[in-house]
Amino acid sequence: MHHSSSRALATLAALLPLALLSAAVAAKPPRFERRCGWYENPTPGNVTLTDRDGSWLIARQGSYEASGNEPEFSDSQWVETNNGHHGYGCACLTMQTDASRHRVLSISHATAQPLAVCRRDRALHEPEHDPDIGP
């Protein structure tokens, strides 16, 4: 074996644990984070949470659905915008996300909030709705 080949093998052997550590860190699941905003369910199977960082996909009919819990809204916490109790409310979700795709992977805890909580937050814009359908 040539001396340069031995040196190359030694360098490779030294870097291998670093590569394995990097792969282990990359494979670590995303941490849970709490996000609050407008929880929208305008039509069957389509759900998003819109917070100060944008809209997070929770479900798209026929193609995607995050695992986990969903908030339970009282009538006073929900604005109906479509037949079948579809609409929006204010909620806080503890969730894992794929930040690069703005997609929710799983929800561990979901809490409905009074509508006033989101309405007071200047970073949030209330979804449009027909006042003849809901409050």
Protein backbone atom coordinates (compact mmCIF):
# COMPACT_ATOMS: atom_id res chain seq x y z
CA MET A 1 0.00 0.00 0.00
CA HIS A 2 1.28 3.45 -0.84
CA HIS A 3 1.94 5.96 1.91
CA SER A 4 -0.64 8.41 0.44
CA SER A 5 -3.25 5.62 0.38
CA SER A 6 -2.65 4.94 4.07
CA ARG A 7 -3.06 8.61 4.85
CA ALA A 8 -6.30 8.76 2.84
CA LEU A 9 -7.68 5.72 4.68
CA ALA A 10 -6.75 7.22 8.04
CA THR A 11 -8.48 10.49 7.12
CA LEU A 12 -11.56 8.60 5.96
CA ALA A 13 -11.63 6.55 9.17
CA ALA A 14 -11.39 9.75 11.23
CA LEU A 15 -14.26 11.37 9.34
CA LEU A 16 -16.57 8.35 9.48
CA PRO A 17 -17.78 8.91 13.08
CA LEU A 18 -18.52 12.56 12.19
CA ALA A 19 -20.56 11.45 9.15
CA LEU A 20 -22.50 8.96 11.28
CA LEU A 21 -23.16 11.64 13.91
CA SER A 22 -24.36 14.07 11.21
CA ALA A 23 -26.73 11.41 9.84
CA ALA A 24 -28.09 10.73 13.34
CA VAL A 25 -28.70 14.45 13.93
CA ALA A 26 -30.37 14.79 10.52
CA ALA A 27 -32.65 11.81 11.29
CA LYS A 28 -33.78 13.31 14.62
CA PRO A 29 -37.52 14.04 14.44
CA PRO A 30 -38.60 17.70 14.49
CA ARG A 31 -39.30 19.09 17.95
CA PHE A 32 -42.80 20.04 19.01
CA GLU A 33 -43.60 23.73 18.99
CA ARG A 34 -46.66 25.69 20.07
CA ARG A 35 -48.29 27.87 17.42
CA CYS A 36 -51.45 29.94 17.72
CA GLY A 37 -53.61 31.41 15.01
CA TRP A 38 -56.64 30.94 12.80
CA TYR A 39 -57.63 27.29 12.47
CA GLU A 40 -59.52 27.01 9.19
CA ASN A 41 -61.66 24.13 7.95
CA PRO A 42 -63.52 25.73 5.00
CA THR A 43 -64.50 22.48 3.25
CA PRO A 44 -64.40 18.76 4.11
CA GLY A 45 -60.85 17.46 4.58
CA ASN A 46 -59.11 20.83 4.13
CA VAL A 47 -57.52 22.29 7.24
CA THR A 48 -54.84 24.92 7.90
CA LEU A 49 -53.50 26.95 10.80
CA THR A 50 -52.47 30.49 9.88
CA ASP A 51 -50.17 32.20 12.35
CA ARG A 52 -47.70 35.10 12.18
CA ASP A 53 -45.34 32.93 10.07
CA GLY A 54 -47.89 32.00 7.42
CA SER A 55 -50.27 29.17 6.66
CA TRP A 56 -49.50 25.63 7.86
CA LEU A 57 -51.12 22.72 6.01
CA ILE A 58 -52.81 20.27 8.38
CA ALA A 59 -54.95 18.37 5.85
CA ARG A 60 -55.78 18.45 2.16
CA GLN A 61 -58.73 16.36 1.02
CA GLY A 62 -57.62 13.15 -0.63
CA SER A 63 -53.88 13.77 -0.34
CA TYR A 64 -52.57 14.60 3.13
CA GLU A 65 -53.55 14.60 6.79
CA ALA A 66 -51.36 15.25 9.83
CA SER A 67 -51.72 12.83 12.70
CA GLY A 68 -52.94 13.82 16.12
CA ASN A 69 -55.53 15.94 17.84
CA GLU A 70 -57.75 18.73 16.64
CA PRO A 71 -59.25 21.51 18.76
CA GLU A 72 -62.84 21.23 19.97
CA PHE A 73 -64.65 24.52 19.43
CA SER A 74 -67.79 25.69 21.19
CA ASP A 75 -70.37 27.56 19.09
CA SER A 76 -69.05 30.89 20.42
CA GLN A 77 -65.49 29.95 19.32
CA TRP A 78 -66.40 29.03 15.73
CA VAL A 79 -67.39 31.13 12.70
CA GLU A 80 -69.35 29.04 10.24
CA THR A 81 -68.55 29.95 6.63
CA ASN A 82 -69.93 26.95 4.81
CA ASN A 83 -72.66 24.37 5.39
CA GLY A 84 -71.76 21.35 7.50
CA HIS A 85 -70.11 23.31 10.31
CA HIS A 86 -67.16 24.35 8.14
CA GLY A 87 -65.42 27.60 8.96
CA TYR A 88 -62.73 28.85 11.32
CA GLY A 89 -61.80 29.52 14.91
CA CYS A 90 -58.84 30.61 16.98
CA ALA A 91 -56.59 27.84 18.33
CA CYS A 92 -53.21 26.94 19.76
CA LEU A 93 -51.59 23.73 18.56
CA THR A 94 -48.52 21.94 19.87
CA MET A 95 -47.18 20.39 16.69
CA GLN A 96 -44.26 19.03 14.74
CA THR A 97 -43.75 20.72 11.39
CA ASP A 98 -41.83 20.45 8.17
CA ALA A 99 -40.86 24.13 8.12
CA SER A 100 -39.53 24.05 4.55
CA ARG A 101 -42.95 22.95 3.24
CA HIS A 102 -45.10 24.71 5.88
CA ARG A 103 -46.72 21.36 6.61
CA VAL A 104 -47.85 20.02 9.99
CA LEU A 105 -46.57 16.49 10.60
CA SER A 106 -48.33 15.75 13.88
CA ILE A 107 -50.29 17.50 16.62
CA SER A 108 -49.86 16.48 20.25
CA HIS A 109 -52.17 19.04 21.84
CA ALA A 110 -54.85 21.36 20.44
CA THR A 111 -56.81 23.99 22.34
CA ALA A 112 -59.58 26.23 21.04
CA GLN A 113 -59.28 29.88 22.09
CA PRO A 114 -61.85 32.67 22.21
CA LEU A 115 -62.12 34.43 18.84
CA ALA A 116 -61.02 37.65 20.57
CA VAL A 117 -57.53 36.22 21.17
CA CYS A 118 -56.77 36.03 17.43
CA ARG A 119 -58.71 39.21 16.64
CA ARG A 120 -56.50 41.17 19.07
CA ASP A 121 -53.26 39.86 17.54
CA ARG A 122 -52.22 42.46 14.94
CA ALA A 123 -49.99 39.91 13.18
CA LEU A 124 -53.07 37.82 12.29
CA HIS A 125 -55.73 38.62 9.71
CA GLU A 126 -59.16 37.12 10.25
CA PRO A 127 -60.30 34.93 7.36
CA GLU A 128 -62.99 36.42 5.15
CA HIS A 129 -66.52 35.17 5.64
CA ASP A 130 -70.08 35.94 4.63
CA PRO A 131 -71.75 37.62 7.62
CA ASP A 132 -75.09 36.08 6.61
CA ILE A 133 -73.70 32.61 7.36
CA GLY A 134 -71.96 33.10 10.72
CA PRO A 135 -71.27 35.68 13.45
